[in-house]
Amino acid sequence: MLNGCGKKRLAREVRNVLIDKGFDVLSFDNADKFLYEKTVIIIRNMNYDKFNMLYKEVPVKKVYMQINEHSLYDFIIIIGKDYKRIFAL
C-alpha cells in the first residue's frame, strides 16, 4: 500500500479500512512521487479469487501486472487523488 497523492496518513487510513474488511496489509508507505491522479492495483502474484475479492472493495480503473513469484505481496495498491470515491473516506 503506497500513498501516491500526498495526503498525510492516507496509507494508514486506507490500510485500516482494508484490515477492517478482512484483508492482510503487510506494509504501507509513501510512493516515490505524489503524482497519481487515479488509484491503481499492481498484481504481483496472480490469484484470481484474491483479486476478485480485492477488486470488489477497491474498484479501480487501472490494473497492471508485474508478476513476480518470489514477491511477498499479492498486490500493491498505489492510492491516487481519487481515494475518496474508492475508499469512502
C-alpha atoms as a PDB file:
ATOM      1  CA  MET A   1       0.000   0.000   0.000  1.00  0.00           C
ATOM      2  CA  LEU A   2       1.549   3.246  -1.160  1.00  0.00           C
ATOM      3  CA  ASN A   3       0.297   6.791  -0.798  1.00  0.00           C
ATOM      4  CA  GLY A   4       0.609   8.246  -4.273  1.00  0.00           C
ATOM      5  CA  CYS A   5      -1.237  11.524  -3.745  1.00  0.00           C
ATOM      6  CA  GLY A   6       0.499  13.069  -0.734  1.00  0.00           C
ATOM      7  CA  LYS A   7      -2.338  13.371   1.796  1.00  0.00           C
ATOM      8  CA  LYS A   8      -0.809  12.835   5.236  1.00  0.00           C
ATOM      9  CA  ARG A   9      -1.546   9.488   6.904  1.00  0.00           C
ATOM     10  CA  LEU A  10      -3.635   8.327   3.937  1.00  0.00           C
ATOM     11  CA  ALA A  11      -1.908   4.961   3.512  1.00  0.00           C
ATOM     12  CA  ARG A  12      -2.503   4.240   7.214  1.00  0.00           C
ATOM     13  CA  GLU A  13      -6.201   5.179   6.928  1.00  0.00           C
ATOM     14  CA  VAL A  14      -6.723   3.003   3.872  1.00  0.00           C
ATOM     15  CA  ARG A  15      -4.796   0.163   5.483  1.00  0.00           C
ATOM     16  CA  ASN A  16      -7.161   0.295   8.457  1.00  0.00           C
ATOM     17  CA  VAL A  17     -10.209   0.241   6.157  1.00  0.00           C
ATOM     18  CA  LEU A  18      -8.912  -2.824   4.315  1.00  0.00           C
ATOM     19  CA  ILE A  19      -7.959  -4.632   7.524  1.00  0.00           C
ATOM     20  CA  ASP A  20     -11.492  -3.999   8.851  1.00  0.00           C
ATOM     21  CA  LYS A  21     -12.774  -5.671   5.674  1.00  0.00           C
ATOM     22  CA  GLY A  22     -10.635  -8.755   6.325  1.00  0.00           C
ATOM     23  CA  PHE A  23      -7.569  -8.103   4.161  1.00  0.00           C
ATOM     24  CA  ASP A  24      -3.985  -8.602   5.269  1.00  0.00           C
ATOM     25  CA  VAL A  25      -1.945  -5.460   4.643  1.00  0.00           C
ATOM     26  CA  LEU A  26       1.726  -6.251   5.068  1.00  0.00           C
ATOM     27  CA  SER A  27       3.076  -2.719   4.757  1.00  0.00           C
ATOM     28  CA  PHE A  28       2.216   0.874   3.936  1.00  0.00           C
ATOM     29  CA  ASP A  29       4.340   3.835   2.967  1.00  0.00           C
ATOM     30  CA  ASN A  30       4.579   6.796   0.608  1.00  0.00           C
ATOM     31  CA  ALA A  31       5.112   6.273  -3.101  1.00  0.00           C
ATOM     32  CA  ASP A  32       8.229   7.734  -4.708  1.00  0.00           C
ATOM     33  CA  LYS A  33       6.082  10.506  -6.199  1.00  0.00           C
ATOM     34  CA  PHE A  34       2.783  12.133  -5.284  1.00  0.00           C
ATOM     35  CA  LEU A  35       1.623  12.441  -8.894  1.00  0.00           C
ATOM     36  CA  TYR A  36      -1.047   9.734  -9.025  1.00  0.00           C
ATOM     37  CA  GLU A  37      -4.424  11.073 -10.139  1.00  0.00           C
ATOM     38  CA  LYS A  38      -6.029   7.595 -10.107  1.00  0.00           C
ATOM     39  CA  THR A  39      -5.609   4.703  -7.699  1.00  0.00           C
ATOM     40  CA  VAL A  40      -4.008   1.633  -9.270  1.00  0.00           C
ATOM     41  CA  ILE A  41      -3.560  -2.017  -8.370  1.00  0.00           C
ATOM     42  CA  ILE A  42      -0.366  -3.807  -9.367  1.00  0.00           C
ATOM     43  CA  ILE A  43      -0.716  -7.588  -9.412  1.00  0.00           C
ATOM     44  CA  ARG A  44       2.430  -9.348  -8.173  1.00  0.00           C
ATOM     45  CA  ASN A  45       1.075 -12.902  -7.713  1.00  0.00           C
ATOM     46  CA  MET A  46      -1.932 -13.876  -9.790  1.00  0.00           C
ATOM     47  CA  ASN A  47      -4.592 -15.358  -7.573  1.00  0.00           C
ATOM     48  CA  TYR A  48      -7.961 -14.814  -9.235  1.00  0.00           C
ATOM     49  CA  ASP A  49     -10.002 -15.397  -6.081  1.00  0.00           C
ATOM     50  CA  LYS A  50      -7.992 -12.887  -4.041  1.00  0.00           C
ATOM     51  CA  PHE A  51      -8.012 -10.379  -6.881  1.00  0.00           C
ATOM     52  CA  ASN A  52     -11.801 -10.616  -7.250  1.00  0.00           C
ATOM     53  CA  MET A  53     -12.244 -10.054  -3.508  1.00  0.00           C
ATOM     54  CA  LEU A  54      -9.901  -7.057  -3.580  1.00  0.00           C
ATOM     55  CA  TYR A  55     -11.459  -5.585  -6.720  1.00  0.00           C
ATOM     56  CA  LYS A  56     -14.923  -5.642  -5.135  1.00  0.00           C
ATOM     57  CA  GLU A  57     -13.611  -3.389  -2.354  1.00  0.00           C
ATOM     58  CA  VAL A  58     -11.168  -1.368  -4.469  1.00  0.00           C
ATOM     59  CA  PRO A  59     -12.898  -0.830  -7.847  1.00  0.00           C
ATOM     60  CA  VAL A  60     -10.117   0.905  -9.754  1.00  0.00           C
ATOM     61  CA  LYS A  61      -9.934   1.528 -13.481  1.00  0.00           C
ATOM     62  CA  LYS A  62      -6.210   0.786 -13.783  1.00  0.00           C
ATOM     63  CA  VAL A  63      -4.777  -2.646 -13.045  1.00  0.00           C
ATOM     64  CA  TYR A  64      -1.247  -3.616 -14.038  1.00  0.00           C
ATOM     65  CA  MET A  65       0.547  -6.945 -13.927  1.00  0.00           C
ATOM     66  CA  GLN A  66       4.115  -7.243 -12.657  1.00  0.00           C
ATOM     67  CA  ILE A  67       4.163 -10.920 -11.818  1.00  0.00           C
ATOM     68  CA  ASN A  68       6.974 -11.983  -9.514  1.00  0.00           C
ATOM     69  CA  GLU A  69       6.588 -15.443  -7.997  1.00  0.00           C
ATOM     70  CA  HIS A  70       9.012 -14.501  -5.223  1.00  0.00           C
ATOM     71  CA  SER A  71       7.193 -11.344  -4.152  1.00  0.00           C
ATOM     72  CA  LEU A  72       5.936 -11.119  -0.583  1.00  0.00           C
ATOM     73  CA  TYR A  73       2.907  -9.242  -1.873  1.00  0.00           C
ATOM     74  CA  ASP A  74      -0.013 -10.479  -3.948  1.00  0.00           C
ATOM     75  CA  PHE A  75      -0.911  -6.893  -4.861  1.00  0.00           C
ATOM     76  CA  ILE A  76       0.379  -3.370  -4.448  1.00  0.00           C
ATOM     77  CA  ILE A  77      -2.151  -0.558  -4.236  1.00  0.00           C
ATOM     78  CA  ILE A  78      -0.991   2.952  -5.080  1.00  0.00           C
ATOM     79  CA  ILE A  79      -3.550   5.415  -3.746  1.00  0.00           C
ATOM     80  CA  GLY A  80      -4.346   8.291  -6.073  1.00  0.00           C
ATOM     81  CA  LYS A  81      -6.234  11.550  -5.704  1.00  0.00           C
ATOM     82  CA  ASP A  82      -9.497   9.686  -6.381  1.00  0.00           C
ATOM     83  CA  TYR A  83      -9.237   7.926  -2.992  1.00  0.00           C
ATOM     84  CA  LYS A  84     -12.471   9.380  -1.591  1.00  0.00           C
ATOM     85  CA  ARG A  85     -14.513   7.752  -4.349  1.00  0.00           C
ATOM     86  CA  ILE A  86     -12.819   4.377  -3.949  1.00  0.00           C
ATOM     87  CA  PHE A  87     -12.408   4.081  -0.180  1.00  0.00           C
ATOM     88  CA  ALA A  88     -15.311   6.221   1.084  1.00  0.00           C
ATOM     89  CA  LEU A  89     -13.080   8.178   3.481  1.00  0.00           C
END
